[in-house]
Amino acid sequence: MALLVVIAPALRTRQQVMEFGRITIEGKPTFIDRVSAALTVLNKKDPEAYELVERYARRITEGQHSGMWAYEDPPRMEIGPRTAESSTT
């Protein structure tokens, strides 16, 4: 797992990028921690579902709302604060 720190000038917040297997996670450190914890649980409990995430949500970003941009290359899932702060499971 690789980690890259990026300063987003428009947001003036410290954003990071982490590679989790074949998935790229982008956001604040706490967001990355929560998403990687959830992906770890998913991979352990349901490897087939984890494979679907790897195939169809290759990039997971922190955002204002939750949604999926399947037409982007790679496909991107944006997770809003309400979802990101929910239970890991």
PDB file of N, CA and C in Angstrom:
ATOM      1  N   MET A   1       0.834  -1.171   0.000  1.00  0.00           N
ATOM      2  CA  MET A   1       0.000   0.000   0.000  1.00  0.00           C
ATOM      3  C   MET A   1       0.884   1.240   0.000  1.00  0.00           C
ATOM      4  N   ALA A   2       0.707   2.096  -0.987  1.00  0.00           N
ATOM      5  CA  ALA A   2       1.495   3.318  -1.112  1.00  0.00           C
ATOM      6  C   ALA A   2       0.686   4.503  -0.603  1.00  0.00           C
ATOM      7  N   LEU A   3       1.393   5.511  -0.105  1.00  0.00           N
ATOM      8  CA  LEU A   3       0.724   6.698   0.427  1.00  0.00           C
ATOM      9  C   LEU A   3       1.372   7.928  -0.178  1.00  0.00           C
ATOM     10  N   LEU A   4       0.559   8.844  -0.684  1.00  0.00           N
ATOM     11  CA  LEU A   4       1.030  10.087  -1.279  1.00  0.00           C
ATOM     12  C   LEU A   4       0.228  11.227  -0.672  1.00  0.00           C
ATOM     13  N   VAL A   5       0.903  12.267  -0.213  1.00  0.00           N
ATOM     14  CA  VAL A   5       0.220  13.423   0.368  1.00  0.00           C
ATOM     15  C   VAL A   5       0.102  14.500  -0.695  1.00  0.00           C
ATOM     16  N   VAL A   6      -1.108  15.041  -0.865  1.00  0.00           N
ATOM     17  CA  VAL A   6      -1.362  16.090  -1.849  1.00  0.00           C
ATOM     18  C   VAL A   6      -2.051  17.239  -1.121  1.00  0.00           C
ATOM     19  N   ILE A   7      -1.596  18.455  -1.344  1.00  0.00           N
ATOM     20  CA  ILE A   7      -2.273  19.627  -0.798  1.00  0.00           C
ATOM     21  C   ILE A   7      -3.213  20.147  -1.882  1.00  0.00           C
ATOM     22  N   ALA A   8      -4.506  20.168  -1.586  1.00  0.00           N
ATOM     23  CA  ALA A   8      -5.500  20.642  -2.542  1.00  0.00           C
ATOM     24  C   ALA A   8      -5.654  22.145  -2.357  1.00  0.00           C
ATOM     25  N   PRO A   9      -5.087  22.970  -3.267  1.00  0.00           N
ATOM     26  CA  PRO A   9      -5.100  24.415  -3.068  1.00  0.00           C
ATOM     27  C   PRO A   9      -6.499  25.020  -2.949  1.00  0.00           C
ATOM     28  N   ALA A  10      -7.448  24.527  -3.729  1.00  0.00           N
ATOM     29  CA  ALA A  10      -8.788  25.108  -3.691  1.00  0.00           C
ATOM     30  C   ALA A  10      -9.470  24.837  -2.352  1.00  0.00           C
ATOM     31  N   LEU A  11      -9.194  23.691  -1.760  1.00  0.00           N
ATOM     32  CA  LEU A  11      -9.839  23.325  -0.510  1.00  0.00           C
ATOM     33  C   LEU A  11      -9.012  23.730   0.706  1.00  0.00           C
ATOM     34  N   ARG A  12      -7.721  23.955   0.500  1.00  0.00           N
ATOM     35  CA  ARG A  12      -6.811  24.287   1.593  1.00  0.00           C
ATOM     36  C   ARG A  12      -6.828  23.209   2.673  1.00  0.00           C
ATOM     37  N   THR A  13      -7.027  21.955   2.253  1.00  0.00           N
ATOM     38  CA  THR A  13      -7.011  20.837   3.185  1.00  0.00           C
ATOM     39  C   THR A  13      -5.955  19.845   2.752  1.00  0.00           C
ATOM     40  N   ARG A  14      -5.493  19.093   3.686  1.00  0.00           N
ATOM     41  CA  ARG A  14      -4.466  18.102   3.405  1.00  0.00           C
ATOM     42  C   ARG A  14      -5.138  16.813   2.927  1.00  0.00           C
ATOM     43  N   GLN A  15      -4.983  16.509   1.668  1.00  0.00           N
ATOM     44  CA  GLN A  15      -5.550  15.303   1.078  1.00  0.00           C
ATOM     45  C   GLN A  15      -4.442  14.272   0.911  1.00  0.00           C
ATOM     46  N   GLN A  16      -4.785  13.022   1.041  1.00  0.00           N
ATOM     47  CA  GLN A  16      -3.834  11.951   0.827  1.00  0.00           C
ATOM     48  C   GLN A  16      -4.387  10.976  -0.189  1.00  0.00           C
ATOM     49  N   VAL A  17      -3.483  10.232  -0.789  1.00  0.00           N
ATOM     50  CA  VAL A  17      -3.852   9.194  -1.734  1.00  0.00           C
ATOM     51  C   VAL A  17      -3.195   7.906  -1.265  1.00  0.00           C
ATOM     52  N   MET A  18      -3.978   6.828  -1.194  1.00  0.00           N
ATOM     53  CA  MET A  18      -3.451   5.544  -0.756  1.00  0.00           C
ATOM     54  C   MET A  18      -3.911   4.459  -1.719  1.00  0.00           C
ATOM     55  N   GLU A  19      -3.009   3.574  -2.042  1.00  0.00           N
ATOM     56  CA  GLU A  19      -3.355   2.419  -2.871  1.00  0.00           C
ATOM     57  C   GLU A  19      -3.707   1.266  -1.937  1.00  0.00           C
ATOM     58  N   PHE A  20      -4.899   0.712  -2.086  1.00  0.00           N
ATOM     59  CA  PHE A  20      -5.355  -0.431  -1.298  1.00  0.00           C
ATOM     60  C   PHE A  20      -5.637  -1.545  -2.291  1.00  0.00           C
ATOM     61  N   GLY A  21      -4.673  -2.428  -2.482  1.00  0.00           N
ATOM     62  CA  GLY A  21      -4.801  -3.422  -3.551  1.00  0.00           C
ATOM     63  C   GLY A  21      -4.840  -2.697  -4.877  1.00  0.00           C
ATOM     64  N   ARG A  22      -5.888  -2.922  -5.657  1.00  0.00           N
ATOM     65  CA  ARG A  22      -6.041  -2.228  -6.944  1.00  0.00           C
ATOM     66  C   ARG A  22      -6.938  -1.010  -6.838  1.00  0.00           C
ATOM     67  N   ILE A  23      -7.301  -0.622  -5.613  1.00  0.00           N
ATOM     68  CA  ILE A  23      -8.200   0.512  -5.390  1.00  0.00           C
ATOM     69  C   ILE A  23      -7.398   1.714  -4.887  1.00  0.00           C
ATOM     70  N   THR A  24      -7.665   2.889  -5.457  1.00  0.00           N
ATOM     71  CA  THR A  24      -7.053   4.129  -4.993  1.00  0.00           C
ATOM     72  C   THR A  24      -8.055   4.847  -4.107  1.00  0.00           C
ATOM     73  N   ILE A  25      -7.616   5.223  -2.898  1.00  0.00           N
ATOM     74  CA  ILE A  25      -8.476   5.954  -1.958  1.00  0.00           C
ATOM     75  C   ILE A  25      -7.901   7.354  -1.801  1.00  0.00           C
ATOM     76  N   GLU A  26      -8.753   8.391  -1.953  1.00  0.00           N
ATOM     77  CA  GLU A  26      -8.308   9.780  -1.850  1.00  0.00           C
ATOM     78  C   GLU A  26      -9.155  10.526  -0.833  1.00  0.00           C
ATOM     79  N   GLY A  27      -8.494  11.233   0.079  1.00  0.00           N
ATOM     80  CA  GLY A  27      -9.221  12.025   1.063  1.00  0.00           C
ATOM     81  C   GLY A  27      -8.352  12.352   2.252  1.00  0.00           C
ATOM     82  N   LYS A  28      -8.998  12.824   3.306  1.00  0.00           N
ATOM     83  CA  LYS A  28      -8.294  13.132   4.545  1.00  0.00           C
ATOM     84  C   LYS A  28      -7.843  11.825   5.195  1.00  0.00           C
ATOM     85  N   PRO A  29      -6.825  11.891   6.057  1.00  0.00           N
ATOM     86  CA  PRO A  29      -6.324  10.670   6.687  1.00  0.00           C
ATOM     87  C   PRO A  29      -7.397   9.847   7.404  1.00  0.00           C
ATOM     88  N   THR A  30      -8.329  10.492   8.096  1.00  0.00           N
ATOM     89  CA  THR A  30      -9.371   9.731   8.797  1.00  0.00           C
ATOM     90  C   THR A  30     -10.300   9.024   7.810  1.00  0.00           C
ATOM     91  N   PHE A  31     -10.584   9.664   6.678  1.00  0.00           N
ATOM     92  CA  PHE A  31     -11.410   9.048   5.637  1.00  0.00           C
ATOM     93  C   PHE A  31     -10.707   7.811   5.088  1.00  0.00           C
ATOM     94  N   ILE A  32      -9.447   7.945   4.773  1.00  0.00           N
ATOM     95  CA  ILE A  32      -8.680   6.820   4.235  1.00  0.00           C
ATOM     96  C   ILE A  32      -8.652   5.668   5.238  1.00  0.00           C
ATOM     97  N   ASP A  33      -8.452   5.972   6.505  1.00  0.00           N
ATOM     98  CA  ASP A  33      -8.438   4.927   7.535  1.00  0.00           C
ATOM     99  C   ASP A  33      -9.759   4.176   7.590  1.00  0.00           C
ATOM    100  N   ARG A  34     -10.873   4.922   7.550  1.00  0.00           N
ATOM    101  CA  ARG A  34     -12.192   4.290   7.651  1.00  0.00           C
ATOM    102  C   ARG A  34     -12.513   3.450   6.416  1.00  0.00           C
ATOM    103  N   VAL A  35     -12.181   3.969   5.234  1.00  0.00           N
ATOM    104  CA  VAL A  35     -12.460   3.224   4.000  1.00  0.00           C
ATOM    105  C   VAL A  35     -11.590   1.968   3.932  1.00  0.00           C
ATOM    106  N   SER A  36     -10.322   2.079   4.274  1.00  0.00           N
ATOM    107  CA  SER A  36      -9.463   0.896   4.223  1.00  0.00           C
ATOM    108  C   SER A  36      -9.886  -0.137   5.269  1.00  0.00           C
ATOM    109  N   ALA A  37     -10.376   0.310   6.427  1.00  0.00           N
ATOM    110  CA  ALA A  37     -10.892  -0.634   7.427  1.00  0.00           C
ATOM    111  C   ALA A  37     -12.120  -1.359   6.887  1.00  0.00           C
ATOM    112  N   ALA A  38     -13.014  -0.623   6.231  1.00  0.00           N
ATOM    113  CA  ALA A  38     -14.222  -1.228   5.656  1.00  0.00           C
ATOM    114  C   ALA A  38     -13.863  -2.208   4.533  1.00  0.00           C
ATOM    115  N   LEU A  39     -12.894  -1.850   3.705  1.00  0.00           N
ATOM    116  CA  LEU A  39     -12.472  -2.752   2.624  1.00  0.00           C
ATOM    117  C   LEU A  39     -11.818  -4.011   3.183  1.00  0.00           C
ATOM    118  N   THR A  40     -11.098  -3.877   4.273  1.00  0.00           N
ATOM    119  CA  THR A  40     -10.472  -5.034   4.919  1.00  0.00           C
ATOM    120  C   THR A  40     -11.542  -5.994   5.427  1.00  0.00           C
ATOM    121  N   VAL A  41     -12.571  -5.453   6.089  1.00  0.00           N
ATOM    122  CA  VAL A  41     -13.678  -6.286   6.580  1.00  0.00           C
ATOM    123  C   VAL A  41     -14.385  -6.955   5.409  1.00  0.00           C
ATOM    124  N   LEU A  42     -14.671  -6.187   4.358  1.00  0.00           N
ATOM    125  CA  LEU A  42     -15.355  -6.737   3.191  1.00  0.00           C
ATOM    126  C   LEU A  42     -14.547  -7.861   2.560  1.00  0.00           C
ATOM    127  N   ASN A  43     -13.252  -7.662   2.405  1.00  0.00           N
ATOM    128  CA  ASN A  43     -12.393  -8.674   1.794  1.00  0.00           C
ATOM    129  C   ASN A  43     -12.355  -9.944   2.641  1.00  0.00           C
ATOM    130  N   LYS A  44     -12.347  -9.779   3.957  1.00  0.00           N
ATOM    131  CA  LYS A  44     -12.288 -10.937   4.863  1.00  0.00           C
ATOM    132  C   LYS A  44     -13.622 -11.684   4.897  1.00  0.00           C
ATOM    133  N   LYS A  45     -14.732 -10.937   4.988  1.00  0.00           N
ATOM    134  CA  LYS A  45     -16.052 -11.550   5.156  1.00  0.00           C
ATOM    135  C   LYS A  45     -16.708 -11.992   3.844  1.00  0.00           C
ATOM    136  N   ASP A  46     -16.416 -11.258   2.747  1.00  0.00           N
ATOM    137  CA  ASP A  46     -17.050 -11.572   1.461  1.00  0.00           C
ATOM    138  C   ASP A  46     -16.104 -11.225   0.315  1.00  0.00           C
ATOM    139  N   PRO A  47     -15.123 -12.086   0.053  1.00  0.00           N
ATOM    140  CA  PRO A  47     -14.133 -11.805  -0.994  1.00  0.00           C
ATOM    141  C   PRO A  47     -14.737 -11.547  -2.373  1.00  0.00           C
ATOM    142  N   GLU A  48     -15.866 -12.201  -2.670  1.00  0.00           N
ATOM    143  CA  GLU A  48     -16.500 -11.980  -3.978  1.00  0.00           C
ATOM    144  C   GLU A  48     -17.021 -10.547  -4.095  1.00  0.00           C
ATOM    145  N   ALA A  49     -17.608 -10.027  -3.022  1.00  0.00           N
ATOM    146  CA  ALA A  49     -18.083  -8.640  -3.042  1.00  0.00           C
ATOM    147  C   ALA A  49     -16.903  -7.680  -3.145  1.00  0.00           C
ATOM    148  N   TYR A  50     -15.814  -7.995  -2.454  1.00  0.00           N
ATOM    149  CA  TYR A  50     -14.614  -7.161  -2.540  1.00  0.00           C
ATOM    150  C   TYR A  50     -14.090  -7.120  -3.974  1.00  0.00           C
ATOM    151  N   GLU A  51     -14.110  -8.244  -4.663  1.00  0.00           N
ATOM    152  CA  GLU A  51     -13.671  -8.294  -6.060  1.00  0.00           C
ATOM    153  C   GLU A  51     -14.537  -7.388  -6.944  1.00  0.00           C
ATOM    154  N   LEU A  52     -15.836  -7.318  -6.654  1.00  0.00           N
ATOM    155  CA  LEU A  52     -16.715  -6.413  -7.408  1.00  0.00           C
ATOM    156  C   LEU A  52     -16.317  -4.958  -7.192  1.00  0.00           C
ATOM    157  N   VAL A  53     -15.983  -4.606  -5.943  1.00  0.00           N
ATOM    158  CA  VAL A  53     -15.533  -3.238  -5.662  1.00  0.00           C
ATOM    159  C   VAL A  53     -14.241  -2.963  -6.429  1.00  0.00           C
ATOM    160  N   GLU A  54     -13.309  -3.908  -6.395  1.00  0.00           N
ATOM    161  CA  GLU A  54     -12.053  -3.714  -7.136  1.00  0.00           C
ATOM    162  C   GLU A  54     -12.295  -3.528  -8.628  1.00  0.00           C
ATOM    163  N   ARG A  55     -13.268  -4.239  -9.166  1.00  0.00           N
ATOM    164  CA  ARG A  55     -13.547  -4.156 -10.592  1.00  0.00           C
ATOM    165  C   ARG A  55     -14.290  -2.881 -10.974  1.00  0.00           C
ATOM    166  N   TYR A  56     -15.282  -2.486 -10.155  1.00  0.00           N
ATOM    167  CA  TYR A  56     -16.175  -1.406 -10.562  1.00  0.00           C
ATOM    168  C   TYR A  56     -16.017  -0.082  -9.815  1.00  0.00           C
ATOM    169  N   ALA A  57     -15.188  -0.051  -8.785  1.00  0.00           N
ATOM    170  CA  ALA A  57     -14.935   1.204  -8.049  1.00  0.00           C
ATOM    171  C   ALA A  57     -13.431   1.294  -7.785  1.00  0.00           C
ATOM    172  N   ARG A  58     -12.663   1.453  -8.840  1.00  0.00           N
ATOM    173  CA  ARG A  58     -11.201   1.433  -8.731  1.00  0.00           C
ATOM    174  C   ARG A  58     -10.654   2.654  -8.014  1.00  0.00           C
ATOM    175  N   ARG A  59     -11.476   3.693  -7.895  1.00  0.00           N
ATOM    176  CA  ARG A  59     -11.064   4.922  -7.217  1.00  0.00           C
ATOM    177  C   ARG A  59     -12.180   5.329  -6.258  1.00  0.00           C
ATOM    178  N   ILE A  60     -11.846   5.532  -4.982  1.00  0.00           N
ATOM    179  CA  ILE A  60     -12.812   5.954  -3.974  1.00  0.00           C
ATOM    180  C   ILE A  60     -12.338   7.295  -3.430  1.00  0.00           C
ATOM    181  N   THR A  61     -13.205   8.310  -3.521  1.00  0.00           N
ATOM    182  CA  THR A  61     -12.825   9.653  -3.090  1.00  0.00           C
ATOM    183  C   THR A  61     -13.776  10.179  -2.024  1.00  0.00           C
ATOM    184  N   GLU A  62     -13.257  11.062  -1.188  1.00  0.00           N
ATOM    185  CA  GLU A  62     -14.062  11.743  -0.183  1.00  0.00           C
ATOM    186  C   GLU A  62     -14.767  12.912  -0.853  1.00  0.00           C
ATOM    187  N   GLY A  63     -16.052  13.090  -0.567  1.00  0.00           N
ATOM    188  CA  GLY A  63     -16.790  14.183  -1.190  1.00  0.00           C
ATOM    189  C   GLY A  63     -17.932  14.668  -0.315  1.00  0.00           C
ATOM    190  N   GLN A  64     -18.742  15.529  -0.874  1.00  0.00           N
ATOM    191  CA  GLN A  64     -19.895  16.085  -0.163  1.00  0.00           C
ATOM    192  C   GLN A  64     -21.096  15.145  -0.191  1.00  0.00           C
ATOM    193  N   HIS A  65     -21.190  14.310  -1.212  1.00  0.00           N
ATOM    194  CA  HIS A  65     -22.319  13.404  -1.390  1.00  0.00           C
ATOM    195  C   HIS A  65     -21.779  12.040  -1.783  1.00  0.00           C
ATOM    196  N   SER A  66     -22.602  11.020  -1.638  1.00  0.00           N
ATOM    197  CA  SER A  66     -22.215   9.688  -2.082  1.00  0.00           C
ATOM    198  C   SER A  66     -22.793   9.448  -3.470  1.00  0.00           C
ATOM    199  N   GLY A  67     -21.988   8.874  -4.332  1.00  0.00           N
ATOM    200  CA  GLY A  67     -22.443   8.584  -5.682  1.00  0.00           C
ATOM    201  C   GLY A  67     -21.394   7.807  -6.445  1.00  0.00           C
ATOM    202  N   MET A  68     -21.758   7.388  -7.639  1.00  0.00           N
ATOM    203  CA  MET A  68     -20.878   6.568  -8.464  1.00  0.00           C
ATOM    204  C   MET A  68     -20.724   7.188  -9.836  1.00  0.00           C
ATOM    205  N   TRP A  69     -19.508   7.306 -10.298  1.00  0.00           N
ATOM    206  CA  TRP A  69     -19.186   7.803 -11.623  1.00  0.00           C
ATOM    207  C   TRP A  69     -18.573   6.648 -12.408  1.00  0.00           C
ATOM    208  N   ALA A  70     -19.441   5.738 -12.855  1.00  0.00           N
ATOM    209  CA  ALA A  70     -18.998   4.512 -13.529  1.00  0.00           C
ATOM    210  C   ALA A  70     -18.373   4.792 -14.891  1.00  0.00           C
ATOM    211  N   TYR A  71     -18.704   5.922 -15.512  1.00  0.00           N
ATOM    212  CA  TYR A  71     -18.203   6.244 -16.843  1.00  0.00           C
ATOM    213  C   TYR A  71     -16.778   6.790 -16.805  1.00  0.00           C
ATOM    214  N   GLU A  72     -16.281   7.182 -15.634  1.00  0.00           N
ATOM    215  CA  GLU A  72     -14.910   7.690 -15.547  1.00  0.00           C
ATOM    216  C   GLU A  72     -13.922   6.542 -15.699  1.00  0.00           C
ATOM    217  N   ASP A  73     -12.706   6.873 -16.054  1.00  0.00           N
ATOM    218  CA  ASP A  73     -11.660   5.865 -16.194  1.00  0.00           C
ATOM    219  C   ASP A  73     -10.500   6.219 -15.273  1.00  0.00           C
ATOM    220  N   PRO A  74     -10.314   5.539 -14.169  1.00  0.00           N
ATOM    221  CA  PRO A  74     -11.072   4.379 -13.700  1.00  0.00           C
ATOM    222  C   PRO A  74     -12.387   4.804 -13.058  1.00  0.00           C
ATOM    223  N   PRO A  75     -13.356   3.873 -12.964  1.00  0.00           N
ATOM    224  CA  PRO A  75     -14.635   4.188 -12.330  1.00  0.00           C
ATOM    225  C   PRO A  75     -14.410   4.717 -10.910  1.00  0.00           C
ATOM    226  N   ARG A  76     -15.181   5.759 -10.534  1.00  0.00           N
ATOM    227  CA  ARG A  76     -14.965   6.419  -9.241  1.00  0.00           C
ATOM    228  C   ARG A  76     -16.224   6.390  -8.385  1.00  0.00           C
ATOM    229  N   MET A  77     -16.030   6.022  -7.121  1.00  0.00           N
ATOM    230  CA  MET A  77     -17.094   6.091  -6.125  1.00  0.00           C
ATOM    231  C   MET A  77     -16.754   7.247  -5.185  1.00  0.00           C
ATOM    232  N   GLU A  78     -17.679   8.174  -5.029  1.00  0.00           N
ATOM    233  CA  GLU A  78     -17.492   9.270  -4.074  1.00  0.00           C
ATOM    234  C   GLU A  78     -18.318   8.949  -2.836  1.00  0.00           C
ATOM    235  N   ILE A  79     -17.715   9.123  -1.671  1.00  0.00           N
ATOM    236  CA  ILE A  79     -18.400   8.835  -0.421  1.00  0.00           C
ATOM    237  C   ILE A  79     -18.517  10.118   0.389  1.00  0.00           C
ATOM    238  N   GLY A  80     -19.748  10.475   0.747  1.00  0.00           N
ATOM    239  CA  GLY A  80     -20.009  11.669   1.539  1.00  0.00           C
ATOM    240  C   GLY A  80     -19.789  11.414   3.022  1.00  0.00           C
ATOM    241  N   PRO A  81     -19.785  12.483   3.814  1.00  0.00           N
ATOM    242  CA  PRO A  81     -19.485  12.362   5.238  1.00  0.00           C
ATOM    243  C   PRO A  81     -20.448  11.462   6.012  1.00  0.00           C
ATOM    244  N   ARG A  82     -21.722  11.511   5.680  1.00  0.00           N
ATOM    245  CA  ARG A  82     -22.710  10.691   6.410  1.00  0.00           C
ATOM    246  C   ARG A  82     -22.390   9.207   6.276  1.00  0.00           C
ATOM    247  N   THR A  83     -22.047   8.789   5.067  1.00  0.00           N
ATOM    248  CA  THR A  83     -21.696   7.395   4.834  1.00  0.00           C
ATOM    249  C   THR A  83     -20.324   7.072   5.402  1.00  0.00           C
ATOM    250  N   ALA A  84     -19.375   7.962   5.203  1.00  0.00           N
ATOM    251  CA  ALA A  84     -17.997   7.723   5.668  1.00  0.00           C
ATOM    252  C   ALA A  84     -17.913   7.604   7.176  1.00  0.00           C
ATOM    253  N   GLU A  85     -18.805   8.277   7.889  1.00  0.00           N
ATOM    254  CA  GLU A  85     -18.773   8.253   9.349  1.00  0.00           C
ATOM    255  C   GLU A  85     -19.672   7.169   9.936  1.00  0.00           C
ATOM    256  N   SER A  86     -20.276   6.358   9.080  1.00  0.00           N
ATOM    257  CA  SER A  86     -21.132   5.252   9.547  1.00  0.00           C
ATOM    258  C   SER A  86     -20.270   4.105  10.056  1.00  0.00           C
ATOM    259  N   SER A  87     -20.931   3.083  10.528  1.00  0.00           N
ATOM    260  CA  SER A  87     -20.236   1.893  11.020  1.00  0.00           C
ATOM    261  C   SER A  87     -19.347   1.291   9.934  1.00  0.00           C
ATOM    262  N   THR A  88     -18.218   0.754  10.344  1.00  0.00           N
ATOM    263  CA  THR A  88     -17.303   0.121   9.391  1.00  0.00           C
ATOM    264  C   THR A  88     -17.980  -1.009   8.632  1.00  0.00           C
ATOM    265  N   THR A  89     -18.834  -1.752   9.293  1.00  0.00           N
ATOM    266  CA  THR A  89     -19.500  -2.849   8.603  1.00  0.00           C
ATOM    267  C   THR A  89     -20.602  -2.347   7.703  1.00  0.00           C
TER     268      THR A  89
END
